mmCIF file of all heavy atoms, coordinates in Angstrom:
data_MODEL
# 
_entry.id   MODEL 
# 
loop_
_atom_site.group_PDB 
_atom_site.id 
_atom_site.type_symbol 
_atom_site.label_atom_id 
_atom_site.label_alt_id 
_atom_site.label_comp_id 
_atom_site.label_asym_id 
_atom_site.label_entity_id 
_atom_site.label_seq_id 
_atom_site.pdbx_PDB_ins_code 
_atom_site.Cartn_x 
_atom_site.Cartn_y 
_atom_site.Cartn_z 
_atom_site.occupancy 
_atom_site.B_iso_or_equiv 
_atom_site.pdbx_formal_charge 
_atom_site.auth_seq_id 
_atom_site.auth_comp_id 
_atom_site.auth_asym_id 
_atom_site.auth_atom_id 
_atom_site.pdbx_PDB_model_num 
ATOM 1   N N   . MET A 1 1  ? 56.032 -15.511 21.099 1.00 0.00 ? 1  MET A N   1 
ATOM 2   C CA  . MET A 1 1  ? 54.601 -15.618 21.186 1.00 0.00 ? 1  MET A CA  1 
ATOM 3   C C   . MET A 1 1  ? 54.155 -16.493 22.314 1.00 0.00 ? 1  MET A C   1 
ATOM 4   O O   . MET A 1 1  ? 53.160 -16.226 22.994 1.00 0.00 ? 1  MET A O   1 
ATOM 5   C CB  . MET A 1 1  ? 54.093 -16.034 19.838 1.00 0.00 ? 1  MET A CB  1 
ATOM 6   C CG  . MET A 1 1  ? 54.187 -15.078 18.746 1.00 0.00 ? 1  MET A CG  1 
ATOM 7   S SD  . MET A 1 1  ? 53.239 -15.609 17.246 1.00 0.00 ? 1  MET A SD  1 
ATOM 8   C CE  . MET A 1 1  ? 54.091 -17.135 16.857 1.00 0.00 ? 1  MET A CE  1 
ATOM 9   N N   . ALA A 1 2  ? 54.822 -17.646 22.434 1.00 0.00 ? 2  ALA A N   1 
ATOM 10  C CA  . ALA A 1 2  ? 54.332 -18.663 23.397 1.00 0.00 ? 2  ALA A CA  1 
ATOM 11  C C   . ALA A 1 2  ? 54.436 -18.106 24.801 1.00 0.00 ? 2  ALA A C   1 
ATOM 12  O O   . ALA A 1 2  ? 53.576 -18.319 25.646 1.00 0.00 ? 2  ALA A O   1 
ATOM 13  C CB  . ALA A 1 2  ? 55.213 -19.947 23.261 1.00 0.00 ? 2  ALA A CB  1 
ATOM 14  N N   . GLU A 1 3  ? 55.533 -17.393 25.164 1.00 0.00 ? 3  GLU A N   1 
ATOM 15  C CA  . GLU A 1 3  ? 55.721 -16.877 26.471 1.00 0.00 ? 3  GLU A CA  1 
ATOM 16  C C   . GLU A 1 3  ? 54.635 -15.827 26.855 1.00 0.00 ? 3  GLU A C   1 
ATOM 17  O O   . GLU A 1 3  ? 54.020 -15.855 27.942 1.00 0.00 ? 3  GLU A O   1 
ATOM 18  C CB  . GLU A 1 3  ? 57.078 -16.218 26.662 1.00 0.00 ? 3  GLU A CB  1 
ATOM 19  C CG  . GLU A 1 3  ? 58.287 -17.156 26.535 1.00 0.00 ? 3  GLU A CG  1 
ATOM 20  C CD  . GLU A 1 3  ? 58.422 -18.038 27.628 1.00 0.00 ? 3  GLU A CD  1 
ATOM 21  O OE1 . GLU A 1 3  ? 57.668 -17.854 28.729 1.00 0.00 ? 3  GLU A OE1 1 
ATOM 22  O OE2 . GLU A 1 3  ? 59.212 -18.958 27.645 1.00 0.00 ? 3  GLU A OE2 1 
ATOM 23  N N   . ALA A 1 4  ? 54.307 -14.977 25.898 1.00 0.00 ? 4  ALA A N   1 
ATOM 24  C CA  . ALA A 1 4  ? 53.233 -13.997 26.102 1.00 0.00 ? 4  ALA A CA  1 
ATOM 25  C C   . ALA A 1 4  ? 51.882 -14.654 26.243 1.00 0.00 ? 4  ALA A C   1 
ATOM 26  O O   . ALA A 1 4  ? 51.034 -14.228 27.077 1.00 0.00 ? 4  ALA A O   1 
ATOM 27  C CB  . ALA A 1 4  ? 53.262 -12.972 24.951 1.00 0.00 ? 4  ALA A CB  1 
ATOM 28  N N   . SER A 1 5  ? 51.677 -15.716 25.430 1.00 0.00 ? 5  SER A N   1 
ATOM 29  C CA  . SER A 1 5  ? 50.413 -16.431 25.475 1.00 0.00 ? 5  SER A CA  1 
ATOM 30  C C   . SER A 1 5  ? 50.212 -17.125 26.823 1.00 0.00 ? 5  SER A C   1 
ATOM 31  O O   . SER A 1 5  ? 49.049 -17.216 27.307 1.00 0.00 ? 5  SER A O   1 
ATOM 32  C CB  . SER A 1 5  ? 50.288 -17.357 24.299 1.00 0.00 ? 5  SER A CB  1 
ATOM 33  O OG  . SER A 1 5  ? 50.289 -16.706 23.103 1.00 0.00 ? 5  SER A OG  1 
ATOM 34  N N   . VAL A 1 6  ? 51.242 -17.699 27.384 1.00 0.00 ? 6  VAL A N   1 
ATOM 35  C CA  . VAL A 1 6  ? 51.144 -18.415 28.675 1.00 0.00 ? 6  VAL A CA  1 
ATOM 36  C C   . VAL A 1 6  ? 50.675 -17.442 29.720 1.00 0.00 ? 6  VAL A C   1 
ATOM 37  O O   . VAL A 1 6  ? 49.706 -17.743 30.469 1.00 0.00 ? 6  VAL A O   1 
ATOM 38  C CB  . VAL A 1 6  ? 52.549 -18.980 29.060 1.00 0.00 ? 6  VAL A CB  1 
ATOM 39  C CG1 . VAL A 1 6  ? 52.515 -19.391 30.555 1.00 0.00 ? 6  VAL A CG1 1 
ATOM 40  C CG2 . VAL A 1 6  ? 52.888 -20.161 28.227 1.00 0.00 ? 6  VAL A CG2 1 
ATOM 41  N N   . ALA A 1 7  ? 51.243 -16.280 29.813 1.00 0.00 ? 7  ALA A N   1 
ATOM 42  C CA  . ALA A 1 7  ? 50.860 -15.260 30.777 1.00 0.00 ? 7  ALA A CA  1 
ATOM 43  C C   . ALA A 1 7  ? 49.353 -14.871 30.550 1.00 0.00 ? 7  ALA A C   1 
ATOM 44  O O   . ALA A 1 7  ? 48.579 -14.741 31.498 1.00 0.00 ? 7  ALA A O   1 
ATOM 45  C CB  . ALA A 1 7  ? 51.785 -14.017 30.699 1.00 0.00 ? 7  ALA A CB  1 
ATOM 46  N N   . LYS A 1 8  ? 48.983 -14.646 29.293 1.00 0.00 ? 8  LYS A N   1 
ATOM 47  C CA  . LYS A 1 8  ? 47.663 -14.215 28.960 1.00 0.00 ? 8  LYS A CA  1 
ATOM 48  C C   . LYS A 1 8  ? 46.585 -15.198 29.358 1.00 0.00 ? 8  LYS A C   1 
ATOM 49  O O   . LYS A 1 8  ? 45.564 -14.883 29.941 1.00 0.00 ? 8  LYS A O   1 
ATOM 50  C CB  . LYS A 1 8  ? 47.579 -13.868 27.521 1.00 0.00 ? 8  LYS A CB  1 
ATOM 51  C CG  . LYS A 1 8  ? 46.382 -12.998 27.121 1.00 0.00 ? 8  LYS A CG  1 
ATOM 52  C CD  . LYS A 1 8  ? 45.222 -13.761 26.625 1.00 0.00 ? 8  LYS A CD  1 
ATOM 53  C CE  . LYS A 1 8  ? 44.141 -12.894 26.222 1.00 0.00 ? 8  LYS A CE  1 
ATOM 54  N NZ  . LYS A 1 8  ? 42.917 -13.602 25.773 1.00 0.00 ? 8  LYS A NZ  1 
ATOM 55  N N   . VAL A 1 9  ? 46.800 -16.562 29.030 1.00 0.00 ? 9  VAL A N   1 
ATOM 56  C CA  . VAL A 1 9  ? 45.849 -17.567 29.316 1.00 0.00 ? 9  VAL A CA  1 
ATOM 57  C C   . VAL A 1 9  ? 45.709 -17.729 30.811 1.00 0.00 ? 9  VAL A C   1 
ATOM 58  O O   . VAL A 1 9  ? 44.601 -17.695 31.383 1.00 0.00 ? 9  VAL A O   1 
ATOM 59  C CB  . VAL A 1 9  ? 46.283 -18.918 28.647 1.00 0.00 ? 9  VAL A CB  1 
ATOM 60  C CG1 . VAL A 1 9  ? 45.412 -20.054 29.198 1.00 0.00 ? 9  VAL A CG1 1 
ATOM 61  C CG2 . VAL A 1 9  ? 46.136 -18.787 27.127 1.00 0.00 ? 9  VAL A CG2 1 
ATOM 62  N N   . TYR A 1 10 ? 46.836 -17.869 31.519 1.00 0.00 ? 10 TYR A N   1 
ATOM 63  C CA  . TYR A 1 10 ? 46.776 -18.125 32.991 1.00 0.00 ? 10 TYR A CA  1 
ATOM 64  C C   . TYR A 1 10 ? 46.120 -16.915 33.744 1.00 0.00 ? 10 TYR A C   1 
ATOM 65  O O   . TYR A 1 10 ? 45.199 -17.107 34.556 1.00 0.00 ? 10 TYR A O   1 
ATOM 66  C CB  . TYR A 1 10 ? 48.117 -18.398 33.559 1.00 0.00 ? 10 TYR A CB  1 
ATOM 67  C CG  . TYR A 1 10 ? 48.067 -18.600 35.024 1.00 0.00 ? 10 TYR A CG  1 
ATOM 68  C CD1 . TYR A 1 10 ? 47.673 -19.789 35.625 1.00 0.00 ? 10 TYR A CD1 1 
ATOM 69  C CD2 . TYR A 1 10 ? 48.349 -17.507 35.896 1.00 0.00 ? 10 TYR A CD2 1 
ATOM 70  C CE1 . TYR A 1 10 ? 47.597 -19.985 36.971 1.00 0.00 ? 10 TYR A CE1 1 
ATOM 71  C CE2 . TYR A 1 10 ? 48.269 -17.642 37.307 1.00 0.00 ? 10 TYR A CE2 1 
ATOM 72  C CZ  . TYR A 1 10 ? 47.892 -18.860 37.877 1.00 0.00 ? 10 TYR A CZ  1 
ATOM 73  O OH  . TYR A 1 10 ? 47.752 -18.990 39.163 1.00 0.00 ? 10 TYR A OH  1 
ATOM 74  N N   . GLY A 1 11 ? 46.604 -15.763 33.393 1.00 0.00 ? 11 GLY A N   1 
ATOM 75  C CA  . GLY A 1 11 ? 46.160 -14.555 34.096 1.00 0.00 ? 11 GLY A CA  1 
ATOM 76  C C   . GLY A 1 11 ? 44.686 -14.300 33.884 1.00 0.00 ? 11 GLY A C   1 
ATOM 77  O O   . GLY A 1 11 ? 43.949 -14.025 34.825 1.00 0.00 ? 11 GLY A O   1 
ATOM 78  N N   . SER A 1 12 ? 44.242 -14.298 32.608 1.00 0.00 ? 12 SER A N   1 
ATOM 79  C CA  . SER A 1 12 ? 42.880 -13.946 32.341 1.00 0.00 ? 12 SER A CA  1 
ATOM 80  C C   . SER A 1 12 ? 41.856 -14.954 32.932 1.00 0.00 ? 12 SER A C   1 
ATOM 81  O O   . SER A 1 12 ? 40.777 -14.523 33.454 1.00 0.00 ? 12 SER A O   1 
ATOM 82  C CB  . SER A 1 12 ? 42.627 -13.836 30.880 1.00 0.00 ? 12 SER A CB  1 
ATOM 83  O OG  . SER A 1 12 ? 42.876 -15.066 30.214 1.00 0.00 ? 12 SER A OG  1 
ATOM 84  N N   . GLU A 1 13 ? 42.231 -16.198 32.980 1.00 0.00 ? 13 GLU A N   1 
ATOM 85  C CA  . GLU A 1 13 ? 41.295 -17.222 33.624 1.00 0.00 ? 13 GLU A CA  1 
ATOM 86  C C   . GLU A 1 13 ? 41.408 -17.221 35.108 1.00 0.00 ? 13 GLU A C   1 
ATOM 87  O O   . GLU A 1 13 ? 40.378 -17.411 35.790 1.00 0.00 ? 13 GLU A O   1 
ATOM 88  C CB  . GLU A 1 13 ? 41.611 -18.564 33.012 1.00 0.00 ? 13 GLU A CB  1 
ATOM 89  C CG  . GLU A 1 13 ? 41.269 -18.653 31.516 1.00 0.00 ? 13 GLU A CG  1 
ATOM 90  C CD  . GLU A 1 13 ? 41.611 -20.015 30.866 1.00 0.00 ? 13 GLU A CD  1 
ATOM 91  O OE1 . GLU A 1 13 ? 42.076 -20.928 31.586 1.00 0.00 ? 13 GLU A OE1 1 
ATOM 92  O OE2 . GLU A 1 13 ? 41.346 -20.136 29.646 1.00 0.00 ? 13 GLU A OE2 1 
ATOM 93  N N   . PHE A 1 14 ? 42.569 -16.875 35.621 1.00 0.00 ? 14 PHE A N   1 
ATOM 94  C CA  . PHE A 1 14 ? 42.672 -16.796 37.073 1.00 0.00 ? 14 PHE A CA  1 
ATOM 95  C C   . PHE A 1 14 ? 41.893 -15.640 37.647 1.00 0.00 ? 14 PHE A C   1 
ATOM 96  O O   . PHE A 1 14 ? 41.288 -15.693 38.652 1.00 0.00 ? 14 PHE A O   1 
ATOM 97  C CB  . PHE A 1 14 ? 44.161 -16.632 37.466 1.00 0.00 ? 14 PHE A CB  1 
ATOM 98  C CG  . PHE A 1 14 ? 44.349 -16.094 38.858 1.00 0.00 ? 14 PHE A CG  1 
ATOM 99  C CD1 . PHE A 1 14 ? 44.028 -16.921 39.964 1.00 0.00 ? 14 PHE A CD1 1 
ATOM 100 C CD2 . PHE A 1 14 ? 44.815 -14.844 39.120 1.00 0.00 ? 14 PHE A CD2 1 
ATOM 101 C CE1 . PHE A 1 14 ? 44.155 -16.419 41.275 1.00 0.00 ? 14 PHE A CE1 1 
ATOM 102 C CE2 . PHE A 1 14 ? 44.984 -14.333 40.431 1.00 0.00 ? 14 PHE A CE2 1 
ATOM 103 C CZ  . PHE A 1 14 ? 44.655 -15.133 41.486 1.00 0.00 ? 14 PHE A CZ  1 
ATOM 104 N N   . PHE A 1 15 ? 41.853 -14.449 36.885 1.00 0.00 ? 15 PHE A N   1 
ATOM 105 C CA  . PHE A 1 15 ? 41.119 -13.314 37.341 1.00 0.00 ? 15 PHE A CA  1 
ATOM 106 C C   . PHE A 1 15 ? 39.667 -13.671 37.648 1.00 0.00 ? 15 PHE A C   1 
ATOM 107 O O   . PHE A 1 15 ? 39.038 -13.259 38.669 1.00 0.00 ? 15 PHE A O   1 
ATOM 108 C CB  . PHE A 1 15 ? 41.174 -12.196 36.303 1.00 0.00 ? 15 PHE A CB  1 
ATOM 109 C CG  . PHE A 1 15 ? 42.526 -11.503 36.177 1.00 0.00 ? 15 PHE A CG  1 
ATOM 110 C CD1 . PHE A 1 15 ? 42.865 -10.836 35.035 1.00 0.00 ? 15 PHE A CD1 1 
ATOM 111 C CD2 . PHE A 1 15 ? 43.404 -11.504 37.233 1.00 0.00 ? 15 PHE A CD2 1 
ATOM 112 C CE1 . PHE A 1 15 ? 44.117 -10.267 34.899 1.00 0.00 ? 15 PHE A CE1 1 
ATOM 113 C CE2 . PHE A 1 15 ? 44.654 -10.944 37.147 1.00 0.00 ? 15 PHE A CE2 1 
ATOM 114 C CZ  . PHE A 1 15 ? 44.977 -10.280 35.954 1.00 0.00 ? 15 PHE A CZ  1 
ATOM 115 N N   . ILE A 1 16 ? 39.048 -14.381 36.746 1.00 0.00 ? 16 ILE A N   1 
ATOM 116 C CA  . ILE A 1 16 ? 37.600 -14.746 36.954 1.00 0.00 ? 16 ILE A CA  1 
ATOM 117 C C   . ILE A 1 16 ? 37.402 -15.563 38.183 1.00 0.00 ? 16 ILE A C   1 
ATOM 118 O O   . ILE A 1 16 ? 36.477 -15.284 38.956 1.00 0.00 ? 16 ILE A O   1 
ATOM 119 C CB  . ILE A 1 16 ? 37.129 -15.559 35.682 1.00 0.00 ? 16 ILE A CB  1 
ATOM 120 C CG1 . ILE A 1 16 ? 37.135 -14.699 34.435 1.00 0.00 ? 16 ILE A CG1 1 
ATOM 121 C CG2 . ILE A 1 16 ? 35.725 -16.087 35.897 1.00 0.00 ? 16 ILE A CG2 1 
ATOM 122 C CD1 . ILE A 1 16 ? 36.850 -15.441 33.154 1.00 0.00 ? 16 ILE A CD1 1 
ATOM 123 N N   . GLU A 1 17 ? 38.286 -16.541 38.407 1.00 0.00 ? 17 GLU A N   1 
ATOM 124 C CA  . GLU A 1 17 ? 38.191 -17.333 39.597 1.00 0.00 ? 17 GLU A CA  1 
ATOM 125 C C   . GLU A 1 17 ? 38.478 -16.542 40.870 1.00 0.00 ? 17 GLU A C   1 
ATOM 126 O O   . GLU A 1 17 ? 37.835 -16.693 41.840 1.00 0.00 ? 17 GLU A O   1 
ATOM 127 C CB  . GLU A 1 17 ? 39.159 -18.533 39.483 1.00 0.00 ? 17 GLU A CB  1 
ATOM 128 C CG  . GLU A 1 17 ? 38.744 -19.584 38.502 1.00 0.00 ? 17 GLU A CG  1 
ATOM 129 C CD  . GLU A 1 17 ? 37.361 -20.179 38.856 1.00 0.00 ? 17 GLU A CD  1 
ATOM 130 O OE1 . GLU A 1 17 ? 37.168 -20.680 39.965 1.00 0.00 ? 17 GLU A OE1 1 
ATOM 131 O OE2 . GLU A 1 17 ? 36.471 -20.111 37.952 1.00 0.00 ? 17 GLU A OE2 1 
ATOM 132 N N   . ALA A 1 18 ? 39.449 -15.684 40.771 1.00 0.00 ? 18 ALA A N   1 
ATOM 133 C CA  . ALA A 1 18 ? 39.870 -14.880 41.966 1.00 0.00 ? 18 ALA A CA  1 
ATOM 134 C C   . ALA A 1 18 ? 38.698 -13.948 42.341 1.00 0.00 ? 18 ALA A C   1 
ATOM 135 O O   . ALA A 1 18 ? 38.315 -13.882 43.553 1.00 0.00 ? 18 ALA A O   1 
ATOM 136 C CB  . ALA A 1 18 ? 41.115 -14.034 41.708 1.00 0.00 ? 18 ALA A CB  1 
ATOM 137 N N   . TYR A 1 19 ? 38.167 -13.229 41.447 1.00 0.00 ? 19 TYR A N   1 
ATOM 138 C CA  . TYR A 1 19 ? 37.037 -12.323 41.773 1.00 0.00 ? 19 TYR A CA  1 
ATOM 139 C C   . TYR A 1 19 ? 35.788 -13.111 42.281 1.00 0.00 ? 19 TYR A C   1 
ATOM 140 O O   . TYR A 1 19 ? 35.093 -12.622 43.194 1.00 0.00 ? 19 TYR A O   1 
ATOM 141 C CB  . TYR A 1 19 ? 36.631 -11.506 40.559 1.00 0.00 ? 19 TYR A CB  1 
ATOM 142 C CG  . TYR A 1 19 ? 37.755 -10.570 40.084 1.00 0.00 ? 19 TYR A CG  1 
ATOM 143 C CD1 . TYR A 1 19 ? 38.065 -10.404 38.749 1.00 0.00 ? 19 TYR A CD1 1 
ATOM 144 C CD2 . TYR A 1 19 ? 38.553 -9.868  40.977 1.00 0.00 ? 19 TYR A CD2 1 
ATOM 145 C CE1 . TYR A 1 19 ? 39.056 -9.527  38.304 1.00 0.00 ? 19 TYR A CE1 1 
ATOM 146 C CE2 . TYR A 1 19 ? 39.552 -9.042  40.604 1.00 0.00 ? 19 TYR A CE2 1 
ATOM 147 C CZ  . TYR A 1 19 ? 39.826 -8.874  39.264 1.00 0.00 ? 19 TYR A CZ  1 
ATOM 148 O OH  . TYR A 1 19 ? 40.828 -8.044  38.803 1.00 0.00 ? 19 TYR A OH  1 
ATOM 149 N N   . ARG A 1 20 ? 35.562 -14.274 41.750 1.00 0.00 ? 20 ARG A N   1 
ATOM 150 C CA  . ARG A 1 20 ? 34.447 -15.082 42.238 1.00 0.00 ? 20 ARG A CA  1 
ATOM 151 C C   . ARG A 1 20 ? 34.628 -15.527 43.684 1.00 0.00 ? 20 ARG A C   1 
ATOM 152 O O   . ARG A 1 20 ? 33.781 -15.440 44.519 1.00 0.00 ? 20 ARG A O   1 
ATOM 153 C CB  . ARG A 1 20 ? 34.266 -16.346 41.326 1.00 0.00 ? 20 ARG A CB  1 
ATOM 154 C CG  . ARG A 1 20 ? 33.172 -17.268 41.747 1.00 0.00 ? 20 ARG A CG  1 
ATOM 155 C CD  . ARG A 1 20 ? 32.959 -18.395 40.808 1.00 0.00 ? 20 ARG A CD  1 
ATOM 156 N NE  . ARG A 1 20 ? 34.115 -19.285 40.818 1.00 0.00 ? 20 ARG A NE  1 
ATOM 157 C CZ  . ARG A 1 20 ? 34.382 -20.174 41.722 1.00 0.00 ? 20 ARG A CZ  1 
ATOM 158 N NH1 . ARG A 1 20 ? 33.559 -20.359 42.763 1.00 0.00 ? 20 ARG A NH1 1 
ATOM 159 N NH2 . ARG A 1 20 ? 35.440 -21.008 41.590 1.00 0.00 ? 20 ARG A NH2 1 
ATOM 160 N N   . HIS A 1 21 ? 35.887 -15.945 44.020 1.00 0.00 ? 21 HIS A N   1 
ATOM 161 C CA  . HIS A 1 21 ? 36.193 -16.342 45.362 1.00 0.00 ? 21 HIS A CA  1 
ATOM 162 C C   . HIS A 1 21 ? 36.058 -15.136 46.370 1.00 0.00 ? 21 HIS A C   1 
ATOM 163 O O   . HIS A 1 21 ? 35.460 -15.299 47.423 1.00 0.00 ? 21 HIS A O   1 
ATOM 164 C CB  . HIS A 1 21 ? 37.651 -16.813 45.434 1.00 0.00 ? 21 HIS A CB  1 
ATOM 165 C CG  . HIS A 1 21 ? 37.913 -18.199 44.983 1.00 0.00 ? 21 HIS A CG  1 
ATOM 166 N ND1 . HIS A 1 21 ? 37.057 -19.245 45.279 1.00 0.00 ? 21 HIS A ND1 1 
ATOM 167 C CD2 . HIS A 1 21 ? 38.834 -18.769 44.190 1.00 0.00 ? 21 HIS A CD2 1 
ATOM 168 C CE1 . HIS A 1 21 ? 37.483 -20.364 44.761 1.00 0.00 ? 21 HIS A CE1 1 
ATOM 169 N NE2 . HIS A 1 21 ? 38.615 -20.089 44.062 1.00 0.00 ? 21 HIS A NE2 1 
ATOM 170 N N   . LEU A 1 22 ? 36.450 -13.983 45.930 1.00 0.00 ? 22 LEU A N   1 
ATOM 171 C CA  . LEU A 1 22 ? 36.321 -12.777 46.797 1.00 0.00 ? 22 LEU A CA  1 
ATOM 172 C C   . LEU A 1 22 ? 34.903 -12.385 46.935 1.00 0.00 ? 22 LEU A C   1 
ATOM 173 O O   . LEU A 1 22 ? 34.480 -11.904 48.042 1.00 0.00 ? 22 LEU A O   1 
ATOM 174 C CB  . LEU A 1 22 ? 37.208 -11.689 46.238 1.00 0.00 ? 22 LEU A CB  1 
ATOM 175 C CG  . LEU A 1 22 ? 38.687 -11.862 46.179 1.00 0.00 ? 22 LEU A CG  1 
ATOM 176 C CD1 . LEU A 1 22 ? 39.421 -10.655 45.573 1.00 0.00 ? 22 LEU A CD1 1 
ATOM 177 C CD2 . LEU A 1 22 ? 39.282 -12.137 47.589 1.00 0.00 ? 22 LEU A CD2 1 
ATOM 178 N N   . MET A 1 23 ? 34.109 -12.492 45.842 1.00 0.00 ? 23 MET A N   1 
ATOM 179 C CA  . MET A 1 23 ? 32.690 -12.133 45.960 1.00 0.00 ? 23 MET A CA  1 
ATOM 180 C C   . MET A 1 23 ? 31.935 -13.136 46.874 1.00 0.00 ? 23 MET A C   1 
ATOM 181 O O   . MET A 1 23 ? 31.023 -12.707 47.616 1.00 0.00 ? 23 MET A O   1 
ATOM 182 C CB  . MET A 1 23 ? 32.043 -12.084 44.573 1.00 0.00 ? 23 MET A CB  1 
ATOM 183 C CG  . MET A 1 23 ? 32.589 -10.934 43.713 1.00 0.00 ? 23 MET A CG  1 
ATOM 184 S SD  . MET A 1 23 ? 31.846 -10.929 42.098 1.00 0.00 ? 23 MET A SD  1 
ATOM 185 C CE  . MET A 1 23 ? 30.159 -10.307 42.446 1.00 0.00 ? 23 MET A CE  1 
ATOM 186 N N   . GLU A 1 24 ? 32.311 -14.391 46.873 1.00 0.00 ? 24 GLU A N   1 
ATOM 187 C CA  . GLU A 1 24 ? 31.664 -15.371 47.740 1.00 0.00 ? 24 GLU A CA  1 
ATOM 188 C C   . GLU A 1 24 ? 31.835 -14.969 49.196 1.00 0.00 ? 24 GLU A C   1 
ATOM 189 O O   . GLU A 1 24 ? 30.965 -15.071 49.994 1.00 0.00 ? 24 GLU A O   1 
ATOM 190 C CB  . GLU A 1 24 ? 32.295 -16.755 47.468 1.00 0.00 ? 24 GLU A CB  1 
ATOM 191 C CG  . GLU A 1 24 ? 31.804 -17.354 46.187 1.00 0.00 ? 24 GLU A CG  1 
ATOM 192 C CD  . GLU A 1 24 ? 32.483 -18.722 45.982 1.00 0.00 ? 24 GLU A CD  1 
ATOM 193 O OE1 . GLU A 1 24 ? 33.429 -19.135 46.784 1.00 0.00 ? 24 GLU A OE1 1 
ATOM 194 O OE2 . GLU A 1 24 ? 32.064 -19.432 45.041 1.00 0.00 ? 24 GLU A OE2 1 
ATOM 195 N N   . ILE A 1 25 ? 33.059 -14.456 49.522 1.00 0.00 ? 25 ILE A N   1 
ATOM 196 C CA  . ILE A 1 25 ? 33.354 -14.098 50.901 1.00 0.00 ? 25 ILE A CA  1 
ATOM 197 C C   . ILE A 1 25 ? 32.522 -12.864 51.318 1.00 0.00 ? 25 ILE A C   1 
ATOM 198 O O   . ILE A 1 25 ? 32.017 -12.894 52.458 1.00 0.00 ? 25 ILE A O   1 
ATOM 199 C CB  . ILE A 1 25 ? 34.844 -13.659 51.001 1.00 0.00 ? 25 ILE A CB  1 
ATOM 200 C CG1 . ILE A 1 25 ? 35.714 -14.940 50.782 1.00 0.00 ? 25 ILE A CG1 1 
ATOM 201 C CG2 . ILE A 1 25 ? 35.200 -13.068 52.353 1.00 0.00 ? 25 ILE A CG2 1 
ATOM 202 C CD1 . ILE A 1 25 ? 37.206 -14.675 50.645 1.00 0.00 ? 25 ILE A CD1 1 
ATOM 203 N N   . MET A 1 26 ? 32.361 -11.874 50.427 1.00 0.00 ? 26 MET A N   1 
ATOM 204 C CA  . MET A 1 26 ? 31.575 -10.688 50.871 1.00 0.00 ? 26 MET A CA  1 
ATOM 205 C C   . MET A 1 26 ? 30.094 -10.853 50.621 1.00 0.00 ? 26 MET A C   1 
ATOM 206 O O   . MET A 1 26 ? 29.329 -9.942  51.102 1.00 0.00 ? 26 MET A O   1 
ATOM 207 C CB  . MET A 1 26 ? 32.074 -9.475  50.059 1.00 0.00 ? 26 MET A CB  1 
ATOM 208 C CG  . MET A 1 26 ? 33.566 -9.145  50.282 1.00 0.00 ? 26 MET A CG  1 
ATOM 209 S SD  . MET A 1 26 ? 34.089 -9.186  51.990 1.00 0.00 ? 26 MET A SD  1 
ATOM 210 C CE  . MET A 1 26 ? 33.029 -7.972  52.727 1.00 0.00 ? 26 MET A CE  1 
ATOM 211 N N   . GLY A 1 27 ? 29.701 -11.922 49.964 1.00 0.00 ? 27 GLY A N   1 
ATOM 212 C CA  . GLY A 1 27 ? 28.184 -12.174 49.915 1.00 0.00 ? 27 GLY A CA  1 
ATOM 213 C C   . GLY A 1 27 ? 27.488 -11.197 49.048 1.00 0.00 ? 27 GLY A C   1 
ATOM 214 O O   . GLY A 1 27 ? 28.038 -10.621 48.077 1.00 0.00 ? 27 GLY A O   1 
ATOM 215 N N   . GLU A 1 28 ? 26.202 -10.952 49.416 1.00 0.00 ? 28 GLU A N   1 
ATOM 216 C CA  . GLU A 1 28 ? 25.335 -10.171 48.486 1.00 0.00 ? 28 GLU A CA  1 
ATOM 217 C C   . GLU A 1 28 ? 25.796 -8.684  48.375 1.00 0.00 ? 28 GLU A C   1 
ATOM 218 O O   . GLU A 1 28 ? 25.480 -8.070  47.383 1.00 0.00 ? 28 GLU A O   1 
ATOM 219 C CB  . GLU A 1 28 ? 23.867 -10.146 48.993 1.00 0.00 ? 28 GLU A CB  1 
ATOM 220 C CG  . GLU A 1 28 ? 23.676 -9.644  50.407 1.00 0.00 ? 28 GLU A CG  1 
ATOM 221 C CD  . GLU A 1 28 ? 23.769 -10.759 51.484 1.00 0.00 ? 28 GLU A CD  1 
ATOM 222 O OE1 . GLU A 1 28 ? 24.346 -11.826 51.157 1.00 0.00 ? 28 GLU A OE1 1 
ATOM 223 O OE2 . GLU A 1 28 ? 23.192 -10.583 52.561 1.00 0.00 ? 28 GLU A OE2 1 
# 
């Protein structure tokens, strides 16, 4: 359970930050 949870927590929170960074680059 712990191994699967590590991947889930890191990945799901990273996605939000990654898409935000990419949207900042492309602007409106």
